């Protein structure tokens, strides 16, 4: 497995606190791996599996996107994050996998802005969701202790997350749970774009934000990659809906180097609509 693949997956392995809940809600509310016996969990040929791995490797990690947001000088906005209290509503494996991706990107945002003191609840949310889809070995005592020791060090946090999500990726791939892997990747990418466009939509284009506009334009090629990955699961209504929504997003993307205000508004609204569906899942 390539370093880029592991980096892409590593940002979501953030639930390393040994607490059992998020938002003071009991872990038991989140059910265990409700998609485990779903026939869609299998069914990808070896060629498709390899293609999916290539697509995952091609999609930029949320850190790569969100570090640019923080580096542009834009203010930190906690109000944009998926509230920690929402974790108790995710009671299907699809909803759990989707929001591992969402909360993972939110963690990337928190770390990019170096608000490490606010990371605890989001760490617990991802741990709770990962436990629910039956990947509990990632959060062993040794790794939790390492995280607690390094919780105030941005680089150390990223290193530990890298190690943890290597195991998450291996578990999902080895058990042929490609559906869940695809949902984690897609939702993390959408959340990253959501956080970026919500900032840009309120900020006039300037020299400091030009890089973000260029980065947003570059996502058009990754839109093709995500659409291709979602097309591998044509019998699932969730994937069909996401596929169609992202197809619509692609049509709104600007082929030019700059987005007009009207184009940016359309793209921002479409990404926000997709994101609302993701965080509203159960």
C-alpha atoms as a PDB file:
ATOM      1  CA  UNK A   1       0.000   0.000   0.000  1.00  0.00           C
ATOM      2  CA  UNK A   2       1.375   3.399  -0.938  1.00  0.00           C
ATOM      3  CA  UNK A   3       2.189   6.157   1.512  1.00  0.00           C
ATOM      4  CA  UNK A   4      -0.365   8.397  -0.222  1.00  0.00           C
ATOM      5  CA  UNK A   5      -3.136   5.851   0.317  1.00  0.00           C
ATOM      6  CA  UNK A   6      -2.245   5.536   3.963  1.00  0.00           C
ATOM      7  CA  UNK A   7      -2.110   9.291   4.389  1.00  0.00           C
ATOM      8  CA  UNK A   8      -5.528   9.581   2.770  1.00  0.00           C
ATOM      9  CA  UNK A   9      -6.962   7.102   5.196  1.00  0.00           C
ATOM     10  CA  UNK A  10      -4.940   8.097   8.219  1.00  0.00           C
ATOM     11  CA  UNK A  11      -6.723  11.354   8.884  1.00  0.00           C
ATOM     12  CA  UNK A  12      -9.865   9.587   9.940  1.00  0.00           C
ATOM     13  CA  UNK A  13      -8.306   7.359  12.593  1.00  0.00           C
ATOM     14  CA  UNK A  14      -8.712   9.839  15.344  1.00  0.00           C
ATOM     15  CA  UNK A  15     -10.710   8.135  18.085  1.00  0.00           C
ATOM     16  CA  UNK A  16      -7.908   7.303  20.390  1.00  0.00           C
ATOM     17  CA  UNK A  17      -9.329   8.512  23.697  1.00  0.00           C
ATOM     18  CA  UNK A  18     -10.351   5.698  26.035  1.00  0.00           C
ATOM     19  CA  UNK A  19     -13.695   7.352  26.818  1.00  0.00           C
ATOM     20  CA  UNK A  20     -16.758   5.407  25.804  1.00  0.00           C
ATOM     21  CA  UNK A  21     -18.981   8.137  24.435  1.00  0.00           C
ATOM     22  CA  UNK A  22     -19.332  11.404  22.575  1.00  0.00           C
ATOM     23  CA  UNK A  23     -21.441  14.192  23.957  1.00  0.00           C
ATOM     24  CA  UNK A  24     -21.985  12.158  27.121  1.00  0.00           C
ATOM     25  CA  UNK A  25     -24.236   9.703  25.299  1.00  0.00           C
ATOM     26  CA  UNK A  26     -23.813   5.976  25.903  1.00  0.00           C
ATOM     27  CA  UNK A  27     -21.933   4.027  23.273  1.00  0.00           C
ATOM     28  CA  UNK A  28     -24.716   1.417  23.217  1.00  0.00           C
ATOM     29  CA  UNK A  29     -26.905   3.806  21.220  1.00  0.00           C
ATOM     30  CA  UNK A  30     -24.690   3.157  18.199  1.00  0.00           C
ATOM     31  CA  UNK A  31     -25.380  -0.312  16.846  1.00  0.00           C
ATOM     32  CA  UNK A  32     -22.715  -2.685  15.592  1.00  0.00           C
ATOM     33  CA  UNK A  33     -21.847  -3.284  11.929  1.00  0.00           C
ATOM     34  CA  UNK A  34     -25.380  -3.533  10.540  1.00  0.00           C
ATOM     35  CA  UNK A  35     -24.034  -4.018   7.009  1.00  0.00           C
ATOM     36  CA  UNK A  36     -21.768  -6.928   7.787  1.00  0.00           C
ATOM     37  CA  UNK A  37     -23.923  -9.496   6.003  1.00  0.00           C
ATOM     38  CA  UNK A  38     -25.034  -7.165   3.212  1.00  0.00           C
ATOM     39  CA  UNK A  39     -24.223  -8.782  -0.168  1.00  0.00           C
ATOM     40  CA  UNK A  40     -22.924  -5.434  -1.394  1.00  0.00           C
ATOM     41  CA  UNK A  41     -20.058  -5.805   1.050  1.00  0.00           C
ATOM     42  CA  UNK A  42     -18.613  -8.291  -1.388  1.00  0.00           C
ATOM     43  CA  UNK A  43     -18.887  -8.355  -5.168  1.00  0.00           C
ATOM     44  CA  UNK A  44     -15.945  -6.301  -6.428  1.00  0.00           C
ATOM     45  CA  UNK A  45     -13.710  -8.198  -8.791  1.00  0.00           C
ATOM     46  CA  UNK A  46      -9.962  -8.147  -8.309  1.00  0.00           C
ATOM     47  CA  UNK A  47      -9.682  -5.630 -11.148  1.00  0.00           C
ATOM     48  CA  UNK A  48     -12.294  -3.377  -9.504  1.00  0.00           C
ATOM     49  CA  UNK A  49     -10.569  -3.687  -6.143  1.00  0.00           C
ATOM     50  CA  UNK A  50      -7.295  -2.548  -7.663  1.00  0.00           C
ATOM     51  CA  UNK A  51      -9.044   0.300  -9.461  1.00  0.00           C
ATOM     52  CA  UNK A  52     -10.649   1.417  -6.213  1.00  0.00           C
ATOM     53  CA  UNK A  53      -7.279   1.454  -4.476  1.00  0.00           C
ATOM     54  CA  UNK A  54      -5.912   3.646  -7.273  1.00  0.00           C
ATOM     55  CA  UNK A  55      -8.850   6.036  -6.942  1.00  0.00           C
ATOM     56  CA  UNK A  56      -8.403   6.274  -3.181  1.00  0.00           C
ATOM     57  CA  UNK A  57      -4.742   7.082  -3.740  1.00  0.00           C
ATOM     58  CA  UNK A  58      -5.633   9.848  -6.190  1.00  0.00           C
ATOM     59  CA  UNK A  59      -8.051  11.750  -3.958  1.00  0.00           C
ATOM     60  CA  UNK A  60      -6.309  14.439  -1.869  1.00  0.00           C
ATOM     61  CA  UNK A  61      -6.232  13.994   1.883  1.00  0.00           C
ATOM     62  CA  UNK A  62      -8.356  16.491   3.843  1.00  0.00           C
ATOM     63  CA  UNK A  63      -5.177  17.780   5.496  1.00  0.00           C
ATOM     64  CA  UNK A  64      -3.848  18.745   2.050  1.00  0.00           C
ATOM     65  CA  UNK A  65      -6.990  20.794   1.419  1.00  0.00           C
ATOM     66  CA  UNK A  66      -7.656  22.223   4.864  1.00  0.00           C
ATOM     67  CA  UNK A  67      -4.082  23.243   5.617  1.00  0.00           C
ATOM     68  CA  UNK A  68      -4.507  25.671   2.737  1.00  0.00           C
ATOM     69  CA  UNK A  69      -7.637  27.069   4.348  1.00  0.00           C
ATOM     70  CA  UNK A  70      -5.856  27.746   7.624  1.00  0.00           C
ATOM     71  CA  UNK A  71      -2.794  29.031   5.774  1.00  0.00           C
ATOM     72  CA  UNK A  72      -4.863  31.613   3.936  1.00  0.00           C
ATOM     73  CA  UNK A  73      -5.462  33.524   7.146  1.00  0.00           C
ATOM     74  CA  UNK A  74      -9.177  32.803   7.276  1.00  0.00           C
ATOM     75  CA  UNK A  75     -10.680  32.581  10.762  1.00  0.00           C
ATOM     76  CA  UNK A  76     -11.458  29.286  12.478  1.00  0.00           C
ATOM     77  CA  UNK A  77     -15.197  28.510  12.428  1.00  0.00           C
ATOM     78  CA  UNK A  78     -16.308  25.766  14.753  1.00  0.00           C
ATOM     79  CA  UNK A  79     -19.919  26.380  13.706  1.00  0.00           C
ATOM     80  CA  UNK A  80     -19.187  24.668  10.393  1.00  0.00           C
ATOM     81  CA  UNK A  81     -18.313  21.312  11.992  1.00  0.00           C
ATOM     82  CA  UNK A  82     -20.726  18.431  12.393  1.00  0.00           C
ATOM     83  CA  UNK A  83     -21.855  18.708  16.055  1.00  0.00           C
ATOM     84  CA  UNK A  84     -20.451  15.985  18.285  1.00  0.00           C
ATOM     85  CA  UNK A  85     -23.946  15.282  19.613  1.00  0.00           C
ATOM     86  CA  UNK A  86     -25.022  13.991  16.184  1.00  0.00           C
ATOM     87  CA  UNK A  87     -22.968  10.833  16.651  1.00  0.00           C
ATOM     88  CA  UNK A  88     -25.825   9.077  18.452  1.00  0.00           C
ATOM     89  CA  UNK A  89     -28.069   9.267  15.409  1.00  0.00           C
ATOM     90  CA  UNK A  90     -25.818   7.097  13.219  1.00  0.00           C
ATOM     91  CA  UNK A  91     -27.249   3.624  13.716  1.00  0.00           C
ATOM     92  CA  UNK A  92     -26.504   1.941  10.378  1.00  0.00           C
ATOM     93  CA  UNK A  93     -23.131   0.930   9.033  1.00  0.00           C
ATOM     94  CA  UNK A  94     -23.561   3.302   6.091  1.00  0.00           C
ATOM     95  CA  UNK A  95     -24.259   6.255   8.371  1.00  0.00           C
ATOM     96  CA  UNK A  96     -21.406   5.264  10.639  1.00  0.00           C
ATOM     97  CA  UNK A  97     -18.886   4.963   7.789  1.00  0.00           C
ATOM     98  CA  UNK A  98     -20.023   8.224   6.213  1.00  0.00           C
ATOM     99  CA  UNK A  99     -19.569  10.103   9.431  1.00  0.00           C
ATOM    100  CA  UNK A 100     -16.204   8.541  10.211  1.00  0.00           C
ATOM    101  CA  UNK A 101     -15.262  10.441   7.066  1.00  0.00           C
ATOM    102  CA  UNK A 102     -17.077  13.624   8.072  1.00  0.00           C
ATOM    103  CA  UNK A 103     -15.743  13.710  11.631  1.00  0.00           C
ATOM    104  CA  UNK A 104     -12.300  12.787  10.355  1.00  0.00           C
ATOM    105  CA  UNK A 105     -12.257  15.787   8.019  1.00  0.00           C
ATOM    106  CA  UNK A 106     -13.509  17.932  10.878  1.00  0.00           C
ATOM    107  CA  UNK A 107     -10.543  16.700  12.892  1.00  0.00           C
ATOM    108  CA  UNK A 108      -8.247  17.636  10.015  1.00  0.00           C
ATOM    109  CA  UNK A 109      -9.755  21.118  10.152  1.00  0.00           C
ATOM    110  CA  UNK A 110      -9.294  21.376  13.916  1.00  0.00           C
ATOM    111  CA  UNK A 111      -5.671  20.250  13.670  1.00  0.00           C
ATOM    112  CA  UNK A 112      -4.952  22.497  10.671  1.00  0.00           C
ATOM    113  CA  UNK A 113      -6.035  25.483  12.764  1.00  0.00           C
ATOM    114  CA  UNK A 114      -4.093  24.086  15.759  1.00  0.00           C
ATOM    115  CA  UNK A 115      -7.153  24.046  18.012  1.00  0.00           C
ATOM    116  CA  UNK A 116      -5.911  20.842  19.580  1.00  0.00           C
ATOM    117  CA  UNK A 117      -7.704  21.507  22.835  1.00  0.00           C
ATOM    118  CA  UNK A 118     -11.009  21.117  20.995  1.00  0.00           C
ATOM    119  CA  UNK A 119     -10.134  17.746  19.489  1.00  0.00           C
ATOM    120  CA  UNK A 120     -11.254  15.487  22.344  1.00  0.00           C
ATOM    121  CA  UNK A 121     -14.982  15.160  21.540  1.00  0.00           C
ATOM    122  CA  UNK A 122     -14.277  14.573  17.850  1.00  0.00           C
ATOM    123  CA  UNK A 123     -11.667  11.970  18.676  1.00  0.00           C
ATOM    124  CA  UNK A 124     -14.192  10.140  20.795  1.00  0.00           C
ATOM    125  CA  UNK A 125     -16.837  10.344  18.068  1.00  0.00           C
ATOM    126  CA  UNK A 126     -14.627   8.671  15.494  1.00  0.00           C
ATOM    127  CA  UNK A 127     -13.522   6.015  17.948  1.00  0.00           C
ATOM    128  CA  UNK A 128     -17.139   5.266  18.768  1.00  0.00           C
ATOM    129  CA  UNK A 129     -18.120   4.968  15.105  1.00  0.00           C
ATOM    130  CA  UNK A 130     -15.090   2.837  14.243  1.00  0.00           C
ATOM    131  CA  UNK A 131     -15.936   0.510  17.128  1.00  0.00           C
ATOM    132  CA  UNK A 132     -19.496   0.298  15.789  1.00  0.00           C
ATOM    133  CA  UNK A 133     -18.319  -0.982  12.397  1.00  0.00           C
ATOM    134  CA  UNK A 134     -16.174  -3.526  14.206  1.00  0.00           C
ATOM    135  CA  UNK A 135     -12.638  -2.202  13.964  1.00  0.00           C
ATOM    136  CA  UNK A 136     -11.979  -2.094  17.732  1.00  0.00           C
ATOM    137  CA  UNK A 137      -8.373  -3.276  17.655  1.00  0.00           C
ATOM    138  CA  UNK A 138      -7.251   0.111  16.304  1.00  0.00           C
ATOM    139  CA  UNK A 139      -7.948   1.676  19.663  1.00  0.00           C
ATOM    140  CA  UNK A 140      -5.807  -0.501  21.878  1.00  0.00           C
ATOM    141  CA  UNK A 141      -4.416   0.694  25.177  1.00  0.00           C
ATOM    142  CA  UNK A 142      -0.939   1.335  23.810  1.00  0.00           C
ATOM    143  CA  UNK A 143      -2.120   3.677  21.077  1.00  0.00           C
ATOM    144  CA  UNK A 144      -4.464   5.503  23.409  1.00  0.00           C
ATOM    145  CA  UNK A 145      -1.611   6.155  25.797  1.00  0.00           C
ATOM    146  CA  UNK A 146       0.546   7.413  22.924  1.00  0.00           C
ATOM    147  CA  UNK A 147      -2.181   9.799  21.885  1.00  0.00           C
ATOM    148  CA  UNK A 148      -2.675  11.156  25.392  1.00  0.00           C
ATOM    149  CA  UNK A 149       1.049  11.815  25.702  1.00  0.00           C
ATOM    150  CA  UNK A 150       1.146  13.582  22.327  1.00  0.00           C
ATOM    151  CA  UNK A 151      -2.260  15.284  22.382  1.00  0.00           C
ATOM    152  CA  UNK A 152      -0.747  18.789  22.319  1.00  0.00           C
ATOM    153  CA  UNK A 153       1.632  18.131  19.447  1.00  0.00           C
ATOM    154  CA  UNK A 154       0.218  18.498  15.948  1.00  0.00           C
ATOM    155  CA  UNK A 155       2.874  16.413  14.209  1.00  0.00           C
ATOM    156  CA  UNK A 156       2.651  13.620  16.742  1.00  0.00           C
ATOM    157  CA  UNK A 157      -1.127  13.498  16.410  1.00  0.00           C
ATOM    158  CA  UNK A 158      -0.825  13.042  12.676  1.00  0.00           C
ATOM    159  CA  UNK A 159       1.775  10.302  13.088  1.00  0.00           C
ATOM    160  CA  UNK A 160      -0.423   8.309  15.457  1.00  0.00           C
ATOM    161  CA  UNK A 161      -3.448   8.758  13.202  1.00  0.00           C
ATOM    162  CA  UNK A 162      -1.388   7.460  10.274  1.00  0.00           C
ATOM    163  CA  UNK A 163      -0.566   4.275  12.165  1.00  0.00           C
ATOM    164  CA  UNK A 164      -4.133   3.747  13.344  1.00  0.00           C
ATOM    165  CA  UNK A 165      -5.767   4.148   9.976  1.00  0.00           C
ATOM    166  CA  UNK A 166      -3.308   1.809   8.346  1.00  0.00           C
ATOM    167  CA  UNK A 167      -4.986  -0.844  10.459  1.00  0.00           C
ATOM    168  CA  UNK A 168      -8.481   0.429   9.654  1.00  0.00           C
ATOM    169  CA  UNK A 169      -7.736   0.288   5.933  1.00  0.00           C
ATOM    170  CA  UNK A 170      -6.273  -3.196   6.215  1.00  0.00           C
ATOM    171  CA  UNK A 171      -9.305  -4.443   8.158  1.00  0.00           C
ATOM    172  CA  UNK A 172     -11.832  -3.053   5.677  1.00  0.00           C
ATOM    173  CA  UNK A 173      -9.936  -4.311   2.649  1.00  0.00           C
ATOM    174  CA  UNK A 174      -9.208  -7.768   4.043  1.00  0.00           C
ATOM    175  CA  UNK A 175     -12.841  -8.275   5.025  1.00  0.00           C
ATOM    176  CA  UNK A 176     -13.966  -6.990   1.595  1.00  0.00           C
ATOM    177  CA  UNK A 177     -15.975  -4.156   3.096  1.00  0.00           C
ATOM    178  CA  UNK A 178     -15.315  -1.919   0.128  1.00  0.00           C
ATOM    179  CA  UNK A 179     -18.692  -0.222   0.477  1.00  0.00           C
ATOM    180  CA  UNK A 180     -17.664   1.219   3.824  1.00  0.00           C
ATOM    181  CA  UNK A 181     -14.225   2.203   2.571  1.00  0.00           C
ATOM    182  CA  UNK A 182     -15.780   4.066  -0.376  1.00  0.00           C
ATOM    183  CA  UNK A 183     -18.173   5.922   1.914  1.00  0.00           C
ATOM    184  CA  UNK A 184     -15.389   7.013   4.280  1.00  0.00           C
ATOM    185  CA  UNK A 185     -13.328   8.380   1.387  1.00  0.00           C
ATOM    186  CA  UNK A 186     -16.226  10.136  -0.340  1.00  0.00           C
ATOM    187  CA  UNK A 187     -17.619  11.771   2.773  1.00  0.00           C
ATOM    188  CA  UNK A 188     -14.216  12.985   3.950  1.00  0.00           C
ATOM    189  CA  UNK A 189     -13.617  14.600   0.566  1.00  0.00           C
ATOM    190  CA  UNK A 190     -17.045  16.255   0.541  1.00  0.00           C
ATOM    191  CA  UNK A 191     -16.601  17.572   4.089  1.00  0.00           C
ATOM    192  CA  UNK A 192     -13.240  19.082   3.112  1.00  0.00           C
ATOM    193  CA  UNK A 193     -14.821  20.838   0.139  1.00  0.00           C
ATOM    194  CA  UNK A 194     -17.712  21.963   2.326  1.00  0.00           C
ATOM    195  CA  UNK A 195     -15.409  23.583   4.862  1.00  0.00           C
ATOM    196  CA  UNK A 196     -13.405  25.255   2.085  1.00  0.00           C
ATOM    197  CA  UNK A 197     -16.340  26.641   0.114  1.00  0.00           C
ATOM    198  CA  UNK A 198     -18.153  27.867   3.207  1.00  0.00           C
ATOM    199  CA  UNK A 199     -15.117  30.015   3.932  1.00  0.00           C
ATOM    200  CA  UNK A 200     -14.691  31.209   0.348  1.00  0.00           C
ATOM    201  CA  UNK A 201     -18.347  32.059  -0.093  1.00  0.00           C
ATOM    202  CA  UNK A 202     -17.999  34.762   2.555  1.00  0.00           C
ATOM    203  CA  UNK A 203     -14.576  36.026   1.483  1.00  0.00           C
ATOM    204  CA  UNK A 204     -13.814  38.222  -1.546  1.00  0.00           C
ATOM    205  CA  UNK A 205     -11.208  36.803  -3.873  1.00  0.00           C
ATOM    206  CA  UNK A 206      -7.808  38.189  -2.997  1.00  0.00           C
ATOM    207  CA  UNK A 207      -4.142  37.304  -3.250  1.00  0.00           C
ATOM    208  CA  UNK A 208      -4.331  35.316  -0.011  1.00  0.00           C
ATOM    209  CA  UNK A 209      -7.317  33.250  -1.184  1.00  0.00           C
ATOM    210  CA  UNK A 210      -6.280  32.761  -4.817  1.00  0.00           C
ATOM    211  CA  UNK A 211      -4.604  29.441  -3.974  1.00  0.00           C
ATOM    212  CA  UNK A 212      -7.875  28.166  -2.552  1.00  0.00           C
ATOM    213  CA  UNK A 213      -9.769  29.076  -5.692  1.00  0.00           C
ATOM    214  CA  UNK A 214      -7.170  27.281  -7.781  1.00  0.00           C
ATOM    215  CA  UNK A 215      -7.352  24.276  -5.468  1.00  0.00           C
ATOM    216  CA  UNK A 216     -11.136  24.209  -5.801  1.00  0.00           C
ATOM    217  CA  UNK A 217     -10.763  24.219  -9.566  1.00  0.00           C
ATOM    218  CA  UNK A 218      -8.355  21.283  -9.345  1.00  0.00           C
ATOM    219  CA  UNK A 219     -11.005  19.206  -7.585  1.00  0.00           C
ATOM    220  CA  UNK A 220     -12.800  18.739 -10.904  1.00  0.00           C
ATOM    221  CA  UNK A 221     -10.456  15.869 -11.805  1.00  0.00           C
ATOM    222  CA  UNK A 222     -11.073  14.284  -8.405  1.00  0.00           C
ATOM    223  CA  UNK A 223     -14.803  14.642  -8.969  1.00  0.00           C
ATOM    224  CA  UNK A 224     -14.335  12.249 -11.897  1.00  0.00           C
ATOM    225  CA  UNK A 225     -12.462   9.833  -9.623  1.00  0.00           C
ATOM    226  CA  UNK A 226     -15.179   9.877  -6.961  1.00  0.00           C
ATOM    227  CA  UNK A 227     -17.905   9.371  -9.560  1.00  0.00           C
ATOM    228  CA  UNK A 228     -15.982   6.401 -10.959  1.00  0.00           C
ATOM    229  CA  UNK A 229     -15.663   4.853  -7.500  1.00  0.00           C
ATOM    230  CA  UNK A 230     -19.358   5.315  -6.702  1.00  0.00           C
ATOM    231  CA  UNK A 231     -20.231   3.699 -10.044  1.00  0.00           C
ATOM    232  CA  UNK A 232     -18.785   0.431  -8.739  1.00  0.00           C
ATOM    233  CA  UNK A 233     -21.887   0.011  -6.532  1.00  0.00           C
ATOM    234  CA  UNK A 234     -24.813   0.483  -8.970  1.00  0.00           C
ATOM    235  CA  UNK A 235     -27.383  -1.461  -6.954  1.00  0.00           C
ATOM    236  CA  UNK A 236     -27.282   0.643  -3.798  1.00  0.00           C
ATOM    237  CA  UNK A 237     -29.626   3.643  -3.563  1.00  0.00           C
ATOM    238  CA  UNK A 238     -27.221   5.602  -1.367  1.00  0.00           C
ATOM    239  CA  UNK A 239     -24.443   5.274  -3.928  1.00  0.00           C
ATOM    240  CA  UNK A 240     -26.819   6.103  -6.785  1.00  0.00           C
ATOM    241  CA  UNK A 241     -27.896   9.289  -5.003  1.00  0.00           C
ATOM    242  CA  UNK A 242     -24.343  10.342  -4.201  1.00  0.00           C
ATOM    243  CA  UNK A 243     -23.266   9.564  -7.749  1.00  0.00           C
ATOM    244  CA  UNK A 244     -26.003  11.757  -9.225  1.00  0.00           C
ATOM    245  CA  UNK A 245     -25.371  14.598  -6.774  1.00  0.00           C
ATOM    246  CA  UNK A 246     -21.658  14.648  -7.544  1.00  0.00           C
ATOM    247  CA  UNK A 247     -22.378  14.442 -11.275  1.00  0.00           C
ATOM    248  CA  UNK A 248     -24.407  17.631 -10.832  1.00  0.00           C
ATOM    249  CA  UNK A 249     -21.506  19.175  -8.921  1.00  0.00           C
ATOM    250  CA  UNK A 250     -19.170  18.341 -11.782  1.00  0.00           C
ATOM    251  CA  UNK A 251     -21.421  20.193 -14.233  1.00  0.00           C
ATOM    252  CA  UNK A 252     -21.201  23.294 -12.055  1.00  0.00           C
ATOM    253  CA  UNK A 253     -17.415  23.246 -11.760  1.00  0.00           C
ATOM    254  CA  UNK A 254     -15.574  25.982 -13.579  1.00  0.00           C
ATOM    255  CA  UNK A 255     -13.104  25.034 -16.317  1.00  0.00           C
ATOM    256  CA  UNK A 256     -11.492  28.444 -15.882  1.00  0.00           C
ATOM    257  CA  UNK A 257      -8.810  29.353 -13.358  1.00  0.00           C
ATOM    258  CA  UNK A 258     -11.196  31.606 -11.471  1.00  0.00           C
ATOM    259  CA  UNK A 259     -14.750  31.111 -10.291  1.00  0.00           C
ATOM    260  CA  UNK A 260     -17.216  33.909 -10.861  1.00  0.00           C
ATOM    261  CA  UNK A 261     -19.303  34.795  -7.789  1.00  0.00           C
ATOM    262  CA  UNK A 262     -22.289  33.120  -9.433  1.00  0.00           C
ATOM    263  CA  UNK A 263     -20.367  29.914 -10.145  1.00  0.00           C
ATOM    264  CA  UNK A 264     -18.973  29.804  -6.629  1.00  0.00           C
ATOM    265  CA  UNK A 265     -22.440  30.241  -5.153  1.00  0.00           C
ATOM    266  CA  UNK A 266     -23.820  27.336  -7.192  1.00  0.00           C
ATOM    267  CA  UNK A 267     -20.912  25.063  -6.273  1.00  0.00           C
ATOM    268  CA  UNK A 268     -21.106  26.080  -2.608  1.00  0.00           C
ATOM    269  CA  UNK A 269     -24.830  25.379  -2.443  1.00  0.00           C
ATOM    270  CA  UNK A 270     -24.488  21.987  -4.151  1.00  0.00           C
ATOM    271  CA  UNK A 271     -21.676  20.854  -1.847  1.00  0.00           C
ATOM    272  CA  UNK A 272     -23.671  22.035   1.175  1.00  0.00           C
ATOM    273  CA  UNK A 273     -26.720  20.080  -0.032  1.00  0.00           C
ATOM    274  CA  UNK A 274     -24.687  16.878  -0.410  1.00  0.00           C
ATOM    275  CA  UNK A 275     -23.113  17.410   2.968  1.00  0.00           C
ATOM    276  CA  UNK A 276     -26.521  17.916   4.633  1.00  0.00           C
ATOM    277  CA  UNK A 277     -27.595  14.517   3.334  1.00  0.00           C
ATOM    278  CA  UNK A 278     -24.449  12.891   4.722  1.00  0.00           C
ATOM    279  CA  UNK A 279     -24.705  14.286   8.243  1.00  0.00           C
ATOM    280  CA  UNK A 280     -28.469  13.658   8.338  1.00  0.00           C
ATOM    281  CA  UNK A 281     -28.072   9.933   7.775  1.00  0.00           C
ATOM    282  CA  UNK A 282     -28.989   7.451  10.468  1.00  0.00           C
END
